[in-house]
Amino acid sequence: MVNEIYFARMHVKDVGTKKGRYGLNYDEQAKLAAEEFAKKRQQRLLQVREQEKEFARANRQAYEARLSQKRKMLYIELLQKWDREHQQELQELQDTHQRALHAASAAQEQAEEAAEAAQRAEAAADARSAIQSDLAAKRFKEAAQHVGSQKHPFILRSAVF
């Protein structure tokens, strides 16, 4: 308030009147100067408020930009982490698949070898059976020839009586 009056008194001196016209008296000049000072002060306050609003808006935009950048970096980091984990899981699945294929092929080979061994064993058993049946037939034939070459004792006895 004191500054307003001091400013108004200083301003009164600057406000001049032209000769030949009615001018403002001292109180009117002081009131006009005080109103002008209040108006300028109000304009300056509005300007300062507007600057503060602009500063707050700039700060908010900078904060939102930093926040957006952090979100973007976090998203990229999470995406890279997910991609690494996905690649690792995929590699593990491929390794498991390869091991399963290897085990299946080994089992297939063992089954084929077992089938071949069974076929060989069956063929050997058939051969042994054929050989044994041939030997039995041969022995039977030899026995029959041996019995046939000898005269039957019953026939001889009946001839003797």
Protein backbone atom coordinates (compact mmCIF):
# COMPACT_ATOMS: atom_id res chain seq x y z
CA MET A 1 0.00 0.00 0.00
CA VAL A 2 2.83 2.34 0.83
CA ASN A 3 4.47 1.57 -2.51
CA GLU A 4 1.26 2.37 -4.30
CA ILE A 5 1.01 5.79 -2.75
CA TYR A 6 4.69 6.52 -3.37
CA PHE A 7 4.34 5.39 -6.97
CA ALA A 8 1.15 7.41 -7.33
CA ARG A 9 2.89 10.58 -6.07
CA MET A 10 5.81 10.05 -8.40
CA HIS A 11 3.42 9.51 -11.25
CA VAL A 12 1.44 12.63 -10.39
CA LYS A 13 4.45 14.72 -11.14
CA ASP A 14 4.77 13.13 -14.56
CA VAL A 15 1.13 13.68 -15.40
CA GLY A 16 1.05 17.18 -16.71
CA THR A 17 -1.81 19.39 -17.61
CA LYS A 18 -2.01 21.49 -20.68
CA LYS A 19 -2.55 25.15 -20.22
CA GLY A 20 -5.87 26.44 -21.11
CA ARG A 21 -7.74 23.35 -20.19
CA TYR A 22 -9.06 22.12 -17.01
CA GLY A 23 -6.76 19.63 -15.42
CA LEU A 24 -7.10 17.09 -12.74
CA ASN A 25 -6.56 18.15 -9.21
CA TYR A 26 -3.96 16.49 -7.00
CA ASP A 27 -6.35 13.91 -5.46
CA GLU A 28 -7.72 12.92 -8.86
CA GLN A 29 -4.19 12.57 -10.23
CA ALA A 30 -3.18 10.43 -7.22
CA LYS A 31 -6.30 8.30 -7.63
CA LEU A 32 -5.63 7.92 -11.38
CA ALA A 33 -1.98 7.03 -10.70
CA ALA A 34 -3.01 4.51 -8.02
CA GLU A 35 -5.53 2.95 -10.39
CA GLU A 36 -2.92 2.80 -13.12
CA PHE A 37 -0.41 1.27 -10.70
CA ALA A 38 -3.00 -1.27 -9.53
CA LYS A 39 -3.84 -2.06 -13.15
CA LYS A 40 -0.15 -2.58 -14.01
CA ARG A 41 0.34 -4.59 -10.84
CA GLN A 42 -2.66 -6.74 -11.74
CA GLN A 43 -1.30 -7.20 -15.27
CA ARG A 44 2.09 -8.17 -13.86
CA LEU A 45 0.42 -10.65 -11.47
CA LEU A 46 -1.52 -12.12 -14.39
CA GLN A 47 1.68 -12.30 -16.41
CA VAL A 48 3.51 -14.02 -13.54
CA ARG A 49 0.61 -16.44 -13.08
CA GLU A 50 0.61 -17.19 -16.79
CA GLN A 51 4.38 -17.76 -16.68
CA GLU A 52 3.92 -20.07 -13.68
CA LYS A 53 1.19 -21.96 -15.55
CA GLU A 54 3.47 -22.27 -18.58
CA PHE A 55 6.35 -23.39 -16.36
CA ALA A 56 4.07 -25.95 -14.64
CA ARG A 57 2.82 -27.14 -18.05
CA ALA A 58 6.41 -27.51 -19.29
CA ASN A 59 7.35 -29.38 -16.10
CA ARG A 60 4.32 -31.65 -16.43
CA GLN A 61 5.11 -32.33 -20.08
CA ALA A 62 8.73 -33.09 -19.21
CA TYR A 63 7.58 -35.40 -16.41
CA GLU A 64 5.13 -37.15 -18.73
CA ALA A 65 7.87 -37.46 -21.36
CA ARG A 66 10.24 -39.01 -18.78
CA LEU A 67 7.48 -41.29 -17.58
CA SER A 68 6.66 -42.28 -21.15
CA GLN A 69 10.34 -42.92 -21.83
CA LYS A 70 10.61 -45.07 -18.70
CA ARG A 71 7.52 -47.02 -19.72
CA LYS A 72 8.94 -47.49 -23.19
CA MET A 73 12.28 -48.69 -21.80
CA LEU A 74 10.48 -51.02 -19.38
CA TYR A 75 8.35 -52.35 -22.23
CA ILE A 76 11.44 -52.94 -24.37
CA GLU A 77 13.23 -54.59 -21.45
CA LEU A 78 10.27 -56.85 -20.70
CA LEU A 79 9.90 -57.67 -24.38
CA GLN A 80 13.58 -58.60 -24.62
CA LYS A 81 13.33 -60.66 -21.43
CA TRP A 82 10.25 -62.46 -22.76
CA ASP A 83 12.01 -63.03 -26.09
CA ARG A 84 15.09 -64.47 -24.33
CA GLU A 85 12.91 -66.73 -22.18
CA HIS A 86 10.87 -67.76 -25.21
CA GLN A 87 14.02 -68.56 -27.20
CA GLN A 88 15.42 -70.53 -24.25
CA GLU A 89 12.16 -72.45 -23.86
CA LEU A 90 12.06 -73.10 -27.59
CA GLN A 91 15.67 -74.34 -27.50
CA GLU A 92 14.85 -76.63 -24.57
CA LEU A 93 11.84 -77.99 -26.45
CA GLN A 94 13.96 -78.56 -29.54
CA ASP A 95 16.60 -80.34 -27.43
CA THR A 96 13.90 -82.48 -25.81
CA HIS A 97 12.47 -83.24 -29.24
CA GLN A 98 15.91 -84.23 -30.56
CA ARG A 99 16.50 -86.47 -27.54
CA ALA A 100 13.08 -88.08 -28.04
CA LEU A 101 13.82 -88.63 -31.74
CA HIS A 102 17.19 -90.12 -30.89
CA ALA A 103 15.61 -92.38 -28.26
CA ALA A 104 12.88 -93.40 -30.70
CA SER A 105 15.40 -94.18 -33.45
CA ALA A 106 17.55 -96.14 -30.97
CA ALA A 107 14.46 -98.07 -29.83
CA GLN A 108 13.53 -98.67 -33.47
CA GLU A 109 17.02 -99.98 -34.20
CA GLN A 110 16.88 -102.23 -31.12
CA ALA A 111 13.45 -103.48 -32.16
CA GLU A 112 14.75 -104.20 -35.68
CA GLU A 113 17.78 -105.99 -34.26
CA ALA A 114 15.54 -107.98 -31.91
CA ALA A 115 13.23 -108.86 -34.81
CA GLU A 116 16.22 -109.93 -36.92
CA ALA A 117 17.56 -111.97 -34.00
CA ALA A 118 14.14 -113.55 -33.52
CA GLN A 119 13.97 -114.34 -37.24
CA ARG A 120 17.47 -115.83 -37.13
CA ALA A 121 16.55 -117.82 -34.00
CA GLU A 122 13.34 -118.99 -35.64
CA ALA A 123 15.23 -119.90 -38.81
CA ALA A 124 17.84 -121.73 -36.73
CA ALA A 125 15.08 -123.52 -34.79
CA ASP A 126 13.38 -124.43 -38.06
CA ALA A 127 16.71 -125.65 -39.43
CA ARG A 128 17.37 -127.68 -36.27
CA SER A 129 13.86 -129.07 -36.40
CA ALA A 130 14.31 -129.95 -40.08
CA ILE A 131 17.68 -131.54 -39.36
CA GLN A 132 16.24 -133.47 -36.40
CA SER A 133 13.24 -134.59 -38.45
CA ASP A 134 15.61 -135.59 -41.28
CA LEU A 135 17.78 -137.49 -38.80
CA ALA A 136 14.71 -139.14 -37.30
CA ALA A 137 13.46 -140.08 -40.76
CA LYS A 138 16.91 -141.34 -41.68
CA ARG A 139 17.14 -143.40 -38.48
CA PHE A 140 13.65 -144.72 -39.03
CA LYS A 141 14.57 -145.67 -42.57
CA GLU A 142 17.79 -147.31 -41.41
CA ALA A 143 15.92 -149.13 -38.69
CA ALA A 144 13.32 -150.23 -41.19
CA GLN A 145 16.02 -151.43 -43.57
CA HIS A 146 17.81 -153.19 -40.77
CA VAL A 147 14.61 -154.87 -39.65
CA GLY A 148 13.70 -155.64 -43.23
CA SER A 149 17.05 -157.26 -43.95
CA GLN A 150 16.66 -159.54 -41.01
CA LYS A 151 14.00 -162.12 -41.05
CA HIS A 152 11.43 -161.78 -38.54
CA PRO A 153 11.78 -164.31 -35.76
CA PHE A 154 8.11 -164.98 -35.63
CA ILE A 155 8.14 -165.91 -39.28
CA LEU A 156 11.10 -168.18 -38.72
CA ARG A 157 9.53 -169.90 -35.80
CA SER A 158 6.33 -170.54 -37.59
CA ALA A 159 8.32 -172.02 -40.48
CA VAL A 160 10.18 -174.30 -38.14
CA PHE A 161 7.15 -175.80 -36.58
